[in-house]
Amino acid sequence: MASRLRLRLRTRTTVESWWCYAPPSFLAPVLASSHLQFSTTSSSLGRNIPQLKKRKQANRDVYTLRQIEARRAANLSRQAVLKEQRAKEIGDPIRGIPTPFVESFDTVVPQEVKQDATAVSLEAVKANPDSPPPSPAYASEEGHLDHGIKHEELAKSLDFSRYLTEPLPPASSTIADSVEEAQAHERWQKRDTSATEAVHRIISLTNASSKHRTKKNIERIVDTFGRHKTDQILKPKAPAVVKYNPLVPPLEPTPRAGPDTGSSEVQIGILTAKIRVLADRYEGQNHNDKVNKRNLRLLLHRRQKLLAYMERKERGSERWQKMIGTLGLTPACWKGEIAVE
């Protein structure tokens, strides 16, 4: 009993103290080399690694240490520059790179296009197909009005209203008062100017609702990217190699029945306009609007699929380059995962 208690209390005793008398002869080789306290060399080396590193670093000269620190600092600074450069190249997956055309979605005020002196107008291309195609910004856009009103209709209506409200000349020149007539004409001009200004404010898209602005932006996008216009200006992508069969005549393209509203670039432009509206609302005071967040995510993923499809079909073509440059889209809009936080 005493020996058992002794073993429990003294856990680091040597093997020789386990026996009251001399140990057996077959344990002599083991006892000769077993005065260790059950420790392994791996744990001791693991604890000594930091000390070994300190000794090795202390043995180096100061010049070598400064060189190592300088190389490390240069590497870290270069990594930071490359990271910032890659972030700018990839861009924002939601907004991309801001362009004048996309920024004009907020007020529907057309962008200022610098007309090239050597550019050819669209009418000239239609009249002479052999003429060189103009640049994508071949013509300056005109401002749009609300409620579907055109500038010609507005001008005619204002002229007709002036004709109806203009004071009539007196029936007889002998009883006419020139001073009173001039005062009446001046009052009419003031009323006409005030009414004209009121009409312009009513039909201006700057004061219109978001729904009306989005509608006009969609019309601008269809007019800018629709293939019923770009097919006459931009060169199509080179067709794939197809074996010619003399027995099967080539298919003729089906003529368009109206404006192009279903092509990939038009749909991508419409989705970009809607995404900008939802992103502005979500980043403002409506940050906790879960329904708005879900709708924004759905539009982003839908545009991502269309961009990936168009990249496979139209990458490198003039149509692809014009769409990417005008809408300011970056590879982050169709590559990788898009998360709305």
C-alpha atoms as a PDB file:
ATOM      1  CA  MET A   1       0.000   0.000   0.000  1.00  0.00           C
ATOM      2  CA  ALA A   2       2.831   2.349   0.758  1.00  0.00           C
ATOM      3  CA  SER A   3       4.440   1.682  -2.588  1.00  0.00           C
ATOM      4  CA  ARG A   4       1.227   2.526  -4.393  1.00  0.00           C
ATOM      5  CA  LEU A   5       0.870   5.832  -2.549  1.00  0.00           C
ATOM      6  CA  ARG A   6       4.462   6.604  -3.316  1.00  0.00           C
ATOM      7  CA  LEU A   7       3.861   6.077  -7.035  1.00  0.00           C
ATOM      8  CA  ARG A   8       0.840   8.367  -7.047  1.00  0.00           C
ATOM      9  CA  LEU A   9       2.496  11.244  -5.261  1.00  0.00           C
ATOM     10  CA  ARG A  10       5.813  11.154  -7.091  1.00  0.00           C
ATOM     11  CA  THR A  11       5.027  10.919 -10.771  1.00  0.00           C
ATOM     12  CA  ARG A  12       8.539  11.861 -11.960  1.00  0.00           C
ATOM     13  CA  THR A  13      10.445   9.269 -10.010  1.00  0.00           C
ATOM     14  CA  THR A  14      13.093   7.207 -11.675  1.00  0.00           C
ATOM     15  CA  VAL A  15      12.553   3.626 -12.674  1.00  0.00           C
ATOM     16  CA  GLU A  16      15.034   2.437 -10.061  1.00  0.00           C
ATOM     17  CA  SER A  17      12.840   3.565  -7.153  1.00  0.00           C
ATOM     18  CA  TRP A  18       9.962   1.337  -8.265  1.00  0.00           C
ATOM     19  CA  TRP A  19      11.601  -1.697  -6.711  1.00  0.00           C
ATOM     20  CA  CYS A  20      12.685  -2.058  -3.116  1.00  0.00           C
ATOM     21  CA  TYR A  21      15.401  -4.448  -4.099  1.00  0.00           C
ATOM     22  CA  ALA A  22      17.693  -4.669  -7.100  1.00  0.00           C
ATOM     23  CA  PRO A  23      15.905  -4.501 -10.471  1.00  0.00           C
ATOM     24  CA  PRO A  24      15.828  -7.507 -12.758  1.00  0.00           C
ATOM     25  CA  SER A  25      18.780  -8.115 -14.967  1.00  0.00           C
ATOM     26  CA  PHE A  26      16.852  -7.801 -18.232  1.00  0.00           C
ATOM     27  CA  LEU A  27      16.090  -4.105 -17.391  1.00  0.00           C
ATOM     28  CA  ALA A  28      19.723  -3.162 -16.906  1.00  0.00           C
ATOM     29  CA  PRO A  29      20.266  -1.792 -20.481  1.00  0.00           C
ATOM     30  CA  VAL A  30      17.074   0.233 -20.249  1.00  0.00           C
ATOM     31  CA  LEU A  31      17.859   1.680 -16.843  1.00  0.00           C
ATOM     32  CA  ALA A  32      21.309   2.670 -17.984  1.00  0.00           C
ATOM     33  CA  SER A  33      19.877   5.070 -20.558  1.00  0.00           C
ATOM     34  CA  SER A  34      16.395   5.900 -19.223  1.00  0.00           C
ATOM     35  CA  HIS A  35      16.943   8.697 -16.738  1.00  0.00           C
ATOM     36  CA  LEU A  36      14.778  10.981 -18.904  1.00  0.00           C
ATOM     37  CA  GLN A  37      11.518  12.397 -17.580  1.00  0.00           C
ATOM     38  CA  PHE A  38       9.287  11.224 -20.460  1.00  0.00           C
ATOM     39  CA  SER A  39       9.922  14.189 -22.820  1.00  0.00           C
ATOM     40  CA  THR A  40      10.218  14.174 -26.600  1.00  0.00           C
ATOM     41  CA  THR A  41      12.757  16.001 -28.713  1.00  0.00           C
ATOM     42  CA  SER A  42      10.134  17.453 -31.112  1.00  0.00           C
ATOM     43  CA  SER A  43       8.427  19.558 -28.425  1.00  0.00           C
ATOM     44  CA  SER A  44      11.729  20.862 -27.131  1.00  0.00           C
ATOM     45  CA  LEU A  45      12.824  21.821 -30.641  1.00  0.00           C
ATOM     46  CA  GLY A  46       9.464  23.506 -31.251  1.00  0.00           C
ATOM     47  CA  ARG A  47       9.949  25.643 -28.172  1.00  0.00           C
ATOM     48  CA  ASN A  48      13.467  26.549 -29.244  1.00  0.00           C
ATOM     49  CA  ILE A  49      12.609  27.681 -32.811  1.00  0.00           C
ATOM     50  CA  PRO A  50      12.045  31.374 -31.896  1.00  0.00           C
ATOM     51  CA  GLN A  51      15.302  31.381 -29.963  1.00  0.00           C
ATOM     52  CA  LEU A  52      17.135  29.894 -32.932  1.00  0.00           C
ATOM     53  CA  LYS A  53      15.677  32.575 -35.202  1.00  0.00           C
ATOM     54  CA  LYS A  54      16.762  35.287 -32.805  1.00  0.00           C
ATOM     55  CA  ARG A  55      20.289  33.901 -32.653  1.00  0.00           C
ATOM     56  CA  LYS A  56      20.448  33.649 -36.449  1.00  0.00           C
ATOM     57  CA  GLN A  57      19.195  37.218 -36.856  1.00  0.00           C
ATOM     58  CA  ALA A  58      21.621  38.490 -34.240  1.00  0.00           C
ATOM     59  CA  ASN A  59      24.538  36.942 -36.124  1.00  0.00           C
ATOM     60  CA  ARG A  60      23.669  38.892 -39.288  1.00  0.00           C
ATOM     61  CA  ASP A  61      25.177  42.265 -39.938  1.00  0.00           C
ATOM     62  CA  VAL A  62      23.174  45.484 -39.931  1.00  0.00           C
ATOM     63  CA  TYR A  63      23.543  46.062 -43.670  1.00  0.00           C
ATOM     64  CA  THR A  64      21.909  42.728 -44.536  1.00  0.00           C
ATOM     65  CA  LEU A  65      19.015  43.386 -42.152  1.00  0.00           C
ATOM     66  CA  ARG A  66      18.386  46.820 -43.658  1.00  0.00           C
ATOM     67  CA  GLN A  67      18.365  45.313 -47.147  1.00  0.00           C
ATOM     68  CA  ILE A  68      15.767  42.760 -46.092  1.00  0.00           C
ATOM     69  CA  GLU A  69      13.563  45.443 -44.559  1.00  0.00           C
ATOM     70  CA  ALA A  70      13.848  47.645 -47.645  1.00  0.00           C
ATOM     71  CA  ARG A  71      12.868  44.767 -49.956  1.00  0.00           C
ATOM     72  CA  ARG A  72       9.913  43.910 -47.747  1.00  0.00           C
ATOM     73  CA  ALA A  73       8.700  47.535 -47.671  1.00  0.00           C
ATOM     74  CA  ALA A  74       9.056  47.866 -51.456  1.00  0.00           C
ATOM     75  CA  ASN A  75       7.133  44.626 -51.982  1.00  0.00           C
ATOM     76  CA  LEU A  76       4.285  45.724 -49.721  1.00  0.00           C
ATOM     77  CA  SER A  77       4.008  49.132 -51.383  1.00  0.00           C
ATOM     78  CA  ARG A  78       3.980  47.528 -54.835  1.00  0.00           C
ATOM     79  CA  GLN A  79       1.249  45.121 -53.754  1.00  0.00           C
ATOM     80  CA  ALA A  80      -0.869  48.030 -52.523  1.00  0.00           C
ATOM     81  CA  VAL A  81      -0.452  49.888 -55.837  1.00  0.00           C
ATOM     82  CA  LEU A  82      -1.358  46.794 -57.862  1.00  0.00           C
ATOM     83  CA  LYS A  83      -4.383  46.123 -55.675  1.00  0.00           C
ATOM     84  CA  GLU A  84      -5.668  49.657 -56.159  1.00  0.00           C
ATOM     85  CA  GLN A  85      -5.006  49.471 -59.905  1.00  0.00           C
ATOM     86  CA  ARG A  86      -6.864  46.161 -60.251  1.00  0.00           C
ATOM     87  CA  ALA A  87      -9.807  47.552 -58.267  1.00  0.00           C
ATOM     88  CA  LYS A  88     -10.043  50.528 -60.657  1.00  0.00           C
ATOM     89  CA  GLU A  89      -9.811  48.302 -63.727  1.00  0.00           C
ATOM     90  CA  ILE A  90     -12.452  45.888 -62.478  1.00  0.00           C
ATOM     91  CA  GLY A  91     -14.728  48.711 -61.385  1.00  0.00           C
ATOM     92  CA  ASP A  92     -17.959  48.701 -59.440  1.00  0.00           C
ATOM     93  CA  PRO A  93     -20.224  45.714 -60.281  1.00  0.00           C
ATOM     94  CA  ILE A  94     -23.337  47.822 -59.696  1.00  0.00           C
ATOM     95  CA  ARG A  95     -22.571  51.211 -61.261  1.00  0.00           C
ATOM     96  CA  GLY A  96     -19.447  50.527 -63.292  1.00  0.00           C
ATOM     97  CA  ILE A  97     -17.572  53.593 -64.500  1.00  0.00           C
ATOM     98  CA  PRO A  98     -19.602  56.842 -64.614  1.00  0.00           C
ATOM     99  CA  THR A  99     -20.091  58.173 -68.145  1.00  0.00           C
ATOM    100  CA  PRO A 100     -21.965  61.255 -69.429  1.00  0.00           C
ATOM    101  CA  PHE A 101     -24.648  59.057 -70.996  1.00  0.00           C
ATOM    102  CA  VAL A 102     -25.355  57.192 -67.745  1.00  0.00           C
ATOM    103  CA  GLU A 103     -25.218  60.338 -65.623  1.00  0.00           C
ATOM    104  CA  SER A 104     -27.827  61.929 -67.907  1.00  0.00           C
ATOM    105  CA  PHE A 105     -30.334  59.291 -66.717  1.00  0.00           C
ATOM    106  CA  ASP A 106     -30.963  61.377 -63.597  1.00  0.00           C
ATOM    107  CA  THR A 107     -32.218  64.474 -65.408  1.00  0.00           C
ATOM    108  CA  VAL A 108     -32.768  63.101 -68.952  1.00  0.00           C
ATOM    109  CA  VAL A 109     -30.679  66.018 -70.198  1.00  0.00           C
ATOM    110  CA  PRO A 110     -28.789  64.780 -73.270  1.00  0.00           C
ATOM    111  CA  GLN A 111     -25.045  64.644 -73.144  1.00  0.00           C
ATOM    112  CA  GLU A 112     -22.945  67.170 -75.014  1.00  0.00           C
ATOM    113  CA  VAL A 113     -21.470  65.377 -78.010  1.00  0.00           C
ATOM    114  CA  LYS A 114     -18.442  66.871 -79.704  1.00  0.00           C
ATOM    115  CA  GLN A 115     -19.142  66.578 -83.388  1.00  0.00           C
ATOM    116  CA  ASP A 116     -16.177  65.526 -85.475  1.00  0.00           C
ATOM    117  CA  ALA A 117     -15.602  67.613 -88.573  1.00  0.00           C
ATOM    118  CA  THR A 118     -14.741  64.509 -90.597  1.00  0.00           C
ATOM    119  CA  ALA A 119     -17.732  62.493 -89.328  1.00  0.00           C
ATOM    120  CA  VAL A 120     -20.522  61.568 -91.717  1.00  0.00           C
ATOM    121  CA  SER A 121     -24.145  62.036 -90.736  1.00  0.00           C
ATOM    122  CA  LEU A 122     -26.689  59.228 -90.711  1.00  0.00           C
ATOM    123  CA  GLU A 123     -28.607  60.730 -93.635  1.00  0.00           C
ATOM    124  CA  ALA A 124     -25.416  60.761 -95.698  1.00  0.00           C
ATOM    125  CA  VAL A 125     -24.846  57.084 -94.920  1.00  0.00           C
ATOM    126  CA  LYS A 126     -28.379  56.227 -96.037  1.00  0.00           C
ATOM    127  CA  ALA A 127     -27.996  58.243 -99.230  1.00  0.00           C
ATOM    128  CA  ASN A 128     -24.552  56.868-100.090  1.00  0.00           C
ATOM    129  CA  PRO A 129     -23.825  53.403 -98.629  1.00  0.00           C
ATOM    130  CA  ASP A 130     -20.241  53.554 -99.956  1.00  0.00           C
ATOM    131  CA  SER A 131     -19.337  56.436 -97.651  1.00  0.00           C
ATOM    132  CA  PRO A 132     -17.256  55.593 -94.560  1.00  0.00           C
ATOM    133  CA  PRO A 133     -19.294  54.964 -91.391  1.00  0.00           C
ATOM    134  CA  PRO A 134     -19.301  57.734 -88.806  1.00  0.00           C
ATOM    135  CA  SER A 135     -18.215  57.468 -85.215  1.00  0.00           C
ATOM    136  CA  PRO A 136     -20.713  56.145 -82.614  1.00  0.00           C
ATOM    137  CA  ALA A 137     -21.498  59.707 -81.574  1.00  0.00           C
ATOM    138  CA  TYR A 138     -22.589  60.597 -85.067  1.00  0.00           C
ATOM    139  CA  ALA A 139     -25.202  63.177 -84.091  1.00  0.00           C
ATOM    140  CA  SER A 140     -26.111  65.273 -81.105  1.00  0.00           C
ATOM    141  CA  GLU A 141     -29.184  64.213 -79.168  1.00  0.00           C
ATOM    142  CA  GLU A 142     -32.152  66.485 -78.724  1.00  0.00           C
ATOM    143  CA  GLY A 143     -33.767  67.150 -75.384  1.00  0.00           C
ATOM    144  CA  HIS A 144     -36.873  65.103 -74.624  1.00  0.00           C
ATOM    145  CA  LEU A 145     -40.117  66.448 -73.246  1.00  0.00           C
ATOM    146  CA  ASP A 146     -42.585  64.890 -70.851  1.00  0.00           C
ATOM    147  CA  HIS A 147     -46.046  63.490 -71.710  1.00  0.00           C
ATOM    148  CA  GLY A 148     -44.887  62.377 -75.158  1.00  0.00           C
ATOM    149  CA  ILE A 149     -44.746  65.901 -76.577  1.00  0.00           C
ATOM    150  CA  LYS A 150     -42.320  66.756 -79.357  1.00  0.00           C
ATOM    151  CA  HIS A 151     -40.609  70.072 -79.956  1.00  0.00           C
ATOM    152  CA  GLU A 152     -42.460  70.668 -83.244  1.00  0.00           C
ATOM    153  CA  GLU A 153     -45.818  70.087 -81.592  1.00  0.00           C
ATOM    154  CA  LEU A 154     -44.908  72.414 -78.743  1.00  0.00           C
ATOM    155  CA  ALA A 155     -43.834  75.196 -81.107  1.00  0.00           C
ATOM    156  CA  LYS A 156     -47.046  74.908 -83.158  1.00  0.00           C
ATOM    157  CA  SER A 157     -49.220  74.924 -80.045  1.00  0.00           C
ATOM    158  CA  LEU A 158     -47.509  78.012 -78.628  1.00  0.00           C
ATOM    159  CA  ASP A 159     -47.820  79.856 -81.930  1.00  0.00           C
ATOM    160  CA  PHE A 160     -51.516  79.007 -82.146  1.00  0.00           C
ATOM    161  CA  SER A 161     -52.118  80.136 -78.556  1.00  0.00           C
ATOM    162  CA  ARG A 162     -50.407  83.448 -79.325  1.00  0.00           C
ATOM    163  CA  TYR A 163     -52.619  83.855 -82.364  1.00  0.00           C
ATOM    164  CA  LEU A 164     -55.738  83.285 -80.251  1.00  0.00           C
ATOM    165  CA  THR A 165     -54.760  85.530 -77.332  1.00  0.00           C
ATOM    166  CA  GLU A 166     -53.198  88.404 -79.208  1.00  0.00           C
ATOM    167  CA  PRO A 167     -55.300  91.580 -78.832  1.00  0.00           C
ATOM    168  CA  LEU A 168     -57.212  92.577 -81.959  1.00  0.00           C
ATOM    169  CA  PRO A 169     -56.516  95.909 -83.656  1.00  0.00           C
ATOM    170  CA  PRO A 170     -59.217  98.582 -83.298  1.00  0.00           C
ATOM    171  CA  ALA A 171     -61.981  98.656 -85.877  1.00  0.00           C
ATOM    172  CA  SER A 172     -61.328 102.278 -86.751  1.00  0.00           C
ATOM    173  CA  SER A 173     -58.016 104.048 -86.714  1.00  0.00           C
ATOM    174  CA  THR A 174     -59.627 107.388 -85.950  1.00  0.00           C
ATOM    175  CA  ILE A 175     -60.846 106.365 -82.502  1.00  0.00           C
ATOM    176  CA  ALA A 176     -57.772 104.268 -81.607  1.00  0.00           C
ATOM    177  CA  ASP A 177     -55.577 105.327 -78.734  1.00  0.00           C
ATOM    178  CA  SER A 178     -51.971 104.504 -79.465  1.00  0.00           C
ATOM    179  CA  VAL A 179     -50.907 104.722 -75.820  1.00  0.00           C
ATOM    180  CA  GLU A 180     -53.629 102.392 -74.607  1.00  0.00           C
ATOM    181  CA  GLU A 181     -52.949 100.017 -77.466  1.00  0.00           C
ATOM    182  CA  ALA A 182     -49.249  99.880 -76.601  1.00  0.00           C
ATOM    183  CA  GLN A 183     -50.036  99.240 -72.933  1.00  0.00           C
ATOM    184  CA  ALA A 184     -52.446  96.419 -73.856  1.00  0.00           C
ATOM    185  CA  HIS A 185     -49.865  94.862 -76.148  1.00  0.00           C
ATOM    186  CA  GLU A 186     -47.243  95.053 -73.386  1.00  0.00           C
ATOM    187  CA  ARG A 187     -49.593  93.372 -70.891  1.00  0.00           C
ATOM    188  CA  TRP A 188     -50.300  90.633 -73.435  1.00  0.00           C
ATOM    189  CA  GLN A 189     -46.580  90.027 -73.959  1.00  0.00           C
ATOM    190  CA  LYS A 190     -46.028  89.632 -70.218  1.00  0.00           C
ATOM    191  CA  ARG A 191     -48.920  87.149 -69.933  1.00  0.00           C
ATOM    192  CA  ASP A 192     -47.673  85.254 -72.964  1.00  0.00           C
ATOM    193  CA  THR A 193     -44.127  85.046 -71.564  1.00  0.00           C
ATOM    194  CA  SER A 194     -45.419  83.834 -68.194  1.00  0.00           C
ATOM    195  CA  ALA A 195     -47.683  81.235 -69.817  1.00  0.00           C
ATOM    196  CA  THR A 196     -44.869  79.992 -72.065  1.00  0.00           C
ATOM    197  CA  GLU A 197     -42.567  79.599 -69.081  1.00  0.00           C
ATOM    198  CA  ALA A 198     -45.274  77.695 -67.180  1.00  0.00           C
ATOM    199  CA  VAL A 199     -45.820  75.323 -70.110  1.00  0.00           C
ATOM    200  CA  HIS A 200     -42.077  74.655 -70.379  1.00  0.00           C
ATOM    201  CA  ARG A 201     -41.900  73.847 -66.666  1.00  0.00           C
ATOM    202  CA  ILE A 202     -44.874  71.504 -66.872  1.00  0.00           C
ATOM    203  CA  ILE A 203     -43.496  69.444 -69.746  1.00  0.00           C
ATOM    204  CA  SER A 204     -39.873  69.545 -68.584  1.00  0.00           C
ATOM    205  CA  LEU A 205     -38.467  66.166 -67.533  1.00  0.00           C
ATOM    206  CA  THR A 206     -36.456  67.859 -64.804  1.00  0.00           C
ATOM    207  CA  ASN A 207     -39.690  68.300 -62.855  1.00  0.00           C
ATOM    208  CA  ALA A 208     -41.163  64.966 -63.967  1.00  0.00           C
ATOM    209  CA  SER A 209     -41.621  61.878 -61.830  1.00  0.00           C
ATOM    210  CA  SER A 210     -39.140  59.017 -61.717  1.00  0.00           C
ATOM    211  CA  LYS A 211     -41.523  56.839 -63.726  1.00  0.00           C
ATOM    212  CA  HIS A 212     -41.680  59.343 -66.595  1.00  0.00           C
ATOM    213  CA  ARG A 213     -37.911  59.833 -66.576  1.00  0.00           C
ATOM    214  CA  THR A 214     -37.343  56.083 -66.745  1.00  0.00           C
ATOM    215  CA  LYS A 215     -39.738  55.856 -69.680  1.00  0.00           C
ATOM    216  CA  LYS A 216     -37.879  58.553 -71.587  1.00  0.00           C
ATOM    217  CA  ASN A 217     -34.531  56.969 -70.730  1.00  0.00           C
ATOM    218  CA  ILE A 218     -35.756  53.700 -72.235  1.00  0.00           C
ATOM    219  CA  GLU A 219     -36.705  55.552 -75.426  1.00  0.00           C
ATOM    220  CA  ARG A 220     -33.230  57.098 -75.568  1.00  0.00           C
ATOM    221  CA  ILE A 221     -31.594  53.698 -75.043  1.00  0.00           C
ATOM    222  CA  VAL A 222     -33.657  52.109 -77.822  1.00  0.00           C
ATOM    223  CA  ASP A 223     -32.767  54.997 -80.109  1.00  0.00           C
ATOM    224  CA  THR A 224     -29.044  54.746 -79.215  1.00  0.00           C
ATOM    225  CA  PHE A 225     -28.439  50.981 -79.168  1.00  0.00           C
ATOM    226  CA  GLY A 226     -31.273  49.681 -81.351  1.00  0.00           C
ATOM    227  CA  ARG A 227     -30.049  47.637 -84.282  1.00  0.00           C
ATOM    228  CA  HIS A 228     -32.561  49.289 -86.603  1.00  0.00           C
ATOM    229  CA  LYS A 229     -30.067  52.199 -86.506  1.00  0.00           C
ATOM    230  CA  THR A 230     -26.726  50.690 -85.525  1.00  0.00           C
ATOM    231  CA  ASP A 231     -26.818  48.101 -88.339  1.00  0.00           C
ATOM    232  CA  GLN A 232     -26.441  50.971 -90.793  1.00  0.00           C
ATOM    233  CA  ILE A 233     -23.504  52.494 -88.928  1.00  0.00           C
ATOM    234  CA  LEU A 234     -21.506  49.827 -87.088  1.00  0.00           C
ATOM    235  CA  LYS A 235     -19.750  47.003 -88.826  1.00  0.00           C
ATOM    236  CA  PRO A 236     -21.119  43.553 -87.927  1.00  0.00           C
ATOM    237  CA  LYS A 237     -18.936  40.870 -86.420  1.00  0.00           C
ATOM    238  CA  ALA A 238     -17.222  38.550 -88.886  1.00  0.00           C
ATOM    239  CA  PRO A 239     -19.407  35.459 -89.429  1.00  0.00           C
ATOM    240  CA  ALA A 240     -18.250  32.009 -88.423  1.00  0.00           C
ATOM    241  CA  VAL A 241     -16.876  29.598 -91.031  1.00  0.00           C
ATOM    242  CA  VAL A 242     -19.822  27.742 -92.537  1.00  0.00           C
ATOM    243  CA  LYS A 243     -19.598  25.145 -95.274  1.00  0.00           C
ATOM    244  CA  TYR A 244     -21.349  26.333 -98.387  1.00  0.00           C
ATOM    245  CA  ASN A 245     -24.000  24.005 -99.757  1.00  0.00           C
ATOM    246  CA  PRO A 246     -25.140  24.895-103.298  1.00  0.00           C
ATOM    247  CA  LEU A 247     -28.367  22.952-102.844  1.00  0.00           C
ATOM    248  CA  VAL A 248     -29.457  25.058 -99.855  1.00  0.00           C
ATOM    249  CA  PRO A 249     -29.838  28.761-100.649  1.00  0.00           C
ATOM    250  CA  PRO A 250     -28.613  31.212 -97.981  1.00  0.00           C
ATOM    251  CA  LEU A 251     -31.248  32.578 -95.640  1.00  0.00           C
ATOM    252  CA  GLU A 252     -32.146  36.214 -96.063  1.00  0.00           C
ATOM    253  CA  PRO A 253     -32.467  38.312 -92.895  1.00  0.00           C
ATOM    254  CA  THR A 254     -36.006  39.053 -91.834  1.00  0.00           C
ATOM    255  CA  PRO A 255     -36.816  42.753 -92.182  1.00  0.00           C
ATOM    256  CA  ARG A 256     -37.580  44.582 -88.966  1.00  0.00           C
ATOM    257  CA  ALA A 257     -41.147  45.635 -88.315  1.00  0.00           C
ATOM    258  CA  GLY A 258     -40.232  48.513 -86.038  1.00  0.00           C
ATOM    259  CA  PRO A 259     -37.668  49.766 -83.532  1.00  0.00           C
ATOM    260  CA  ASP A 260     -35.376  47.165 -82.018  1.00  0.00           C
ATOM    261  CA  THR A 261     -36.324  46.619 -78.366  1.00  0.00           C
ATOM    262  CA  GLY A 262     -35.251  43.010 -77.808  1.00  0.00           C
ATOM    263  CA  SER A 263     -31.550  42.856 -78.680  1.00  0.00           C
ATOM    264  CA  SER A 264     -29.049  42.172 -75.923  1.00  0.00           C
ATOM    265  CA  GLU A 265     -27.473  45.630 -75.908  1.00  0.00           C
ATOM    266  CA  VAL A 266     -30.875  47.346 -75.658  1.00  0.00           C
ATOM    267  CA  GLN A 267     -31.950  45.124 -72.762  1.00  0.00           C
ATOM    268  CA  ILE A 268     -28.619  45.706 -71.009  1.00  0.00           C
ATOM    269  CA  GLY A 269     -29.045  49.470 -71.372  1.00  0.00           C
ATOM    270  CA  ILE A 270     -32.609  49.345 -69.981  1.00  0.00           C
ATOM    271  CA  LEU A 271     -31.464  47.231 -67.030  1.00  0.00           C
ATOM    272  CA  THR A 272     -28.609  49.676 -66.380  1.00  0.00           C
ATOM    273  CA  ALA A 273     -31.062  52.585 -66.181  1.00  0.00           C
ATOM    274  CA  LYS A 274     -33.327  50.693 -63.764  1.00  0.00           C
ATOM    275  CA  ILE A 275     -30.354  49.540 -61.660  1.00  0.00           C
ATOM    276  CA  ARG A 276     -29.187  53.132 -61.294  1.00  0.00           C
ATOM    277  CA  VAL A 277     -32.609  54.201 -59.974  1.00  0.00           C
ATOM    278  CA  LEU A 278     -32.773  51.341 -57.452  1.00  0.00           C
ATOM    279  CA  ALA A 279     -29.153  51.832 -56.362  1.00  0.00           C
ATOM    280  CA  ASP A 280     -29.759  55.530 -55.673  1.00  0.00           C
ATOM    281  CA  ARG A 281     -32.749  54.679 -53.507  1.00  0.00           C
ATOM    282  CA  TYR A 282     -31.008  51.846 -51.691  1.00  0.00           C
ATOM    283  CA  GLU A 283     -27.881  53.850 -50.890  1.00  0.00           C
ATOM    284  CA  GLY A 284     -29.938  56.732 -49.516  1.00  0.00           C
ATOM    285  CA  GLN A 285     -32.378  56.644 -46.632  1.00  0.00           C
ATOM    286  CA  ASN A 286     -33.942  53.335 -47.754  1.00  0.00           C
ATOM    287  CA  HIS A 287     -30.960  51.180 -46.831  1.00  0.00           C
ATOM    288  CA  ASN A 288     -33.160  48.780 -44.842  1.00  0.00           C
ATOM    289  CA  ASP A 289     -35.625  48.246 -47.678  1.00  0.00           C
ATOM    290  CA  LYS A 290     -35.380  44.485 -48.197  1.00  0.00           C
ATOM    291  CA  VAL A 291     -37.761  44.401 -51.163  1.00  0.00           C
ATOM    292  CA  ASN A 292     -35.735  47.055 -52.972  1.00  0.00           C
ATOM    293  CA  LYS A 293     -32.558  45.119 -52.210  1.00  0.00           C
ATOM    294  CA  ARG A 294     -33.999  41.915 -53.645  1.00  0.00           C
ATOM    295  CA  ASN A 295     -35.200  43.670 -56.823  1.00  0.00           C
ATOM    296  CA  LEU A 296     -31.764  45.254 -57.247  1.00  0.00           C
ATOM    297  CA  ARG A 297     -30.080  41.859 -56.921  1.00  0.00           C
ATOM    298  CA  LEU A 298     -32.429  40.312 -59.492  1.00  0.00           C
ATOM    299  CA  LEU A 299     -31.717  43.067 -62.027  1.00  0.00           C
ATOM    300  CA  LEU A 300     -27.959  42.776 -61.473  1.00  0.00           C
ATOM    301  CA  HIS A 301     -27.971  39.024 -62.066  1.00  0.00           C
ATOM    302  CA  ARG A 302     -30.183  39.380 -65.132  1.00  0.00           C
ATOM    303  CA  ARG A 303     -27.804  41.948 -66.615  1.00  0.00           C
ATOM    304  CA  GLN A 304     -24.850  39.723 -65.706  1.00  0.00           C
ATOM    305  CA  LYS A 305     -26.306  36.843 -67.738  1.00  0.00           C
ATOM    306  CA  LEU A 306     -26.969  39.065 -70.745  1.00  0.00           C
ATOM    307  CA  LEU A 307     -23.449  40.521 -70.602  1.00  0.00           C
ATOM    308  CA  ALA A 308     -21.885  37.055 -70.402  1.00  0.00           C
ATOM    309  CA  TYR A 309     -23.962  35.944 -73.397  1.00  0.00           C
ATOM    310  CA  MET A 310     -23.108  39.025 -75.444  1.00  0.00           C
ATOM    311  CA  GLU A 311     -19.428  38.699 -74.586  1.00  0.00           C
ATOM    312  CA  ARG A 312     -19.413  35.224 -76.104  1.00  0.00           C
ATOM    313  CA  LYS A 313     -21.255  36.356 -79.221  1.00  0.00           C
ATOM    314  CA  GLU A 314     -20.068  39.925 -79.850  1.00  0.00           C
ATOM    315  CA  ARG A 315     -16.749  40.325 -78.039  1.00  0.00           C
ATOM    316  CA  GLY A 316     -14.381  42.508 -80.046  1.00  0.00           C
ATOM    317  CA  SER A 317     -17.064  43.860 -82.374  1.00  0.00           C
ATOM    318  CA  GLU A 318     -17.942  47.529 -82.739  1.00  0.00           C
ATOM    319  CA  ARG A 319     -21.357  46.905 -81.227  1.00  0.00           C
ATOM    320  CA  TRP A 320     -19.758  45.475 -78.053  1.00  0.00           C
ATOM    321  CA  GLN A 321     -17.206  48.278 -77.777  1.00  0.00           C
ATOM    322  CA  LYS A 322     -19.857  50.983 -78.197  1.00  0.00           C
ATOM    323  CA  MET A 323     -22.128  49.469 -75.543  1.00  0.00           C
ATOM    324  CA  ILE A 324     -19.309  49.023 -73.006  1.00  0.00           C
ATOM    325  CA  GLY A 325     -17.917  52.515 -73.594  1.00  0.00           C
ATOM    326  CA  THR A 326     -21.281  54.298 -73.527  1.00  0.00           C
ATOM    327  CA  LEU A 327     -22.704  52.540 -70.455  1.00  0.00           C
ATOM    328  CA  GLY A 328     -19.369  52.401 -68.587  1.00  0.00           C
ATOM    329  CA  LEU A 329     -19.602  48.665 -67.854  1.00  0.00           C
ATOM    330  CA  THR A 330     -16.560  46.825 -66.483  1.00  0.00           C
ATOM    331  CA  PRO A 331     -15.638  43.115 -66.191  1.00  0.00           C
ATOM    332  CA  ALA A 332     -16.932  43.161 -62.610  1.00  0.00           C
ATOM    333  CA  CYS A 333     -20.458  43.518 -64.038  1.00  0.00           C
ATOM    334  CA  TRP A 334     -20.402  40.060 -65.643  1.00  0.00           C
ATOM    335  CA  LYS A 335     -17.481  38.192 -64.041  1.00  0.00           C
ATOM    336  CA  GLY A 336     -17.380  36.736 -60.569  1.00  0.00           C
ATOM    337  CA  GLU A 337     -19.958  37.021 -57.835  1.00  0.00           C
ATOM    338  CA  ILE A 338     -22.059  40.155 -57.363  1.00  0.00           C
ATOM    339  CA  ALA A 339     -23.088  40.802 -53.767  1.00  0.00           C
ATOM    340  CA  VAL A 340     -25.371  43.615 -52.608  1.00  0.00           C
ATOM    341  CA  GLU A 341     -24.520  44.590 -49.055  1.00  0.00           C
END
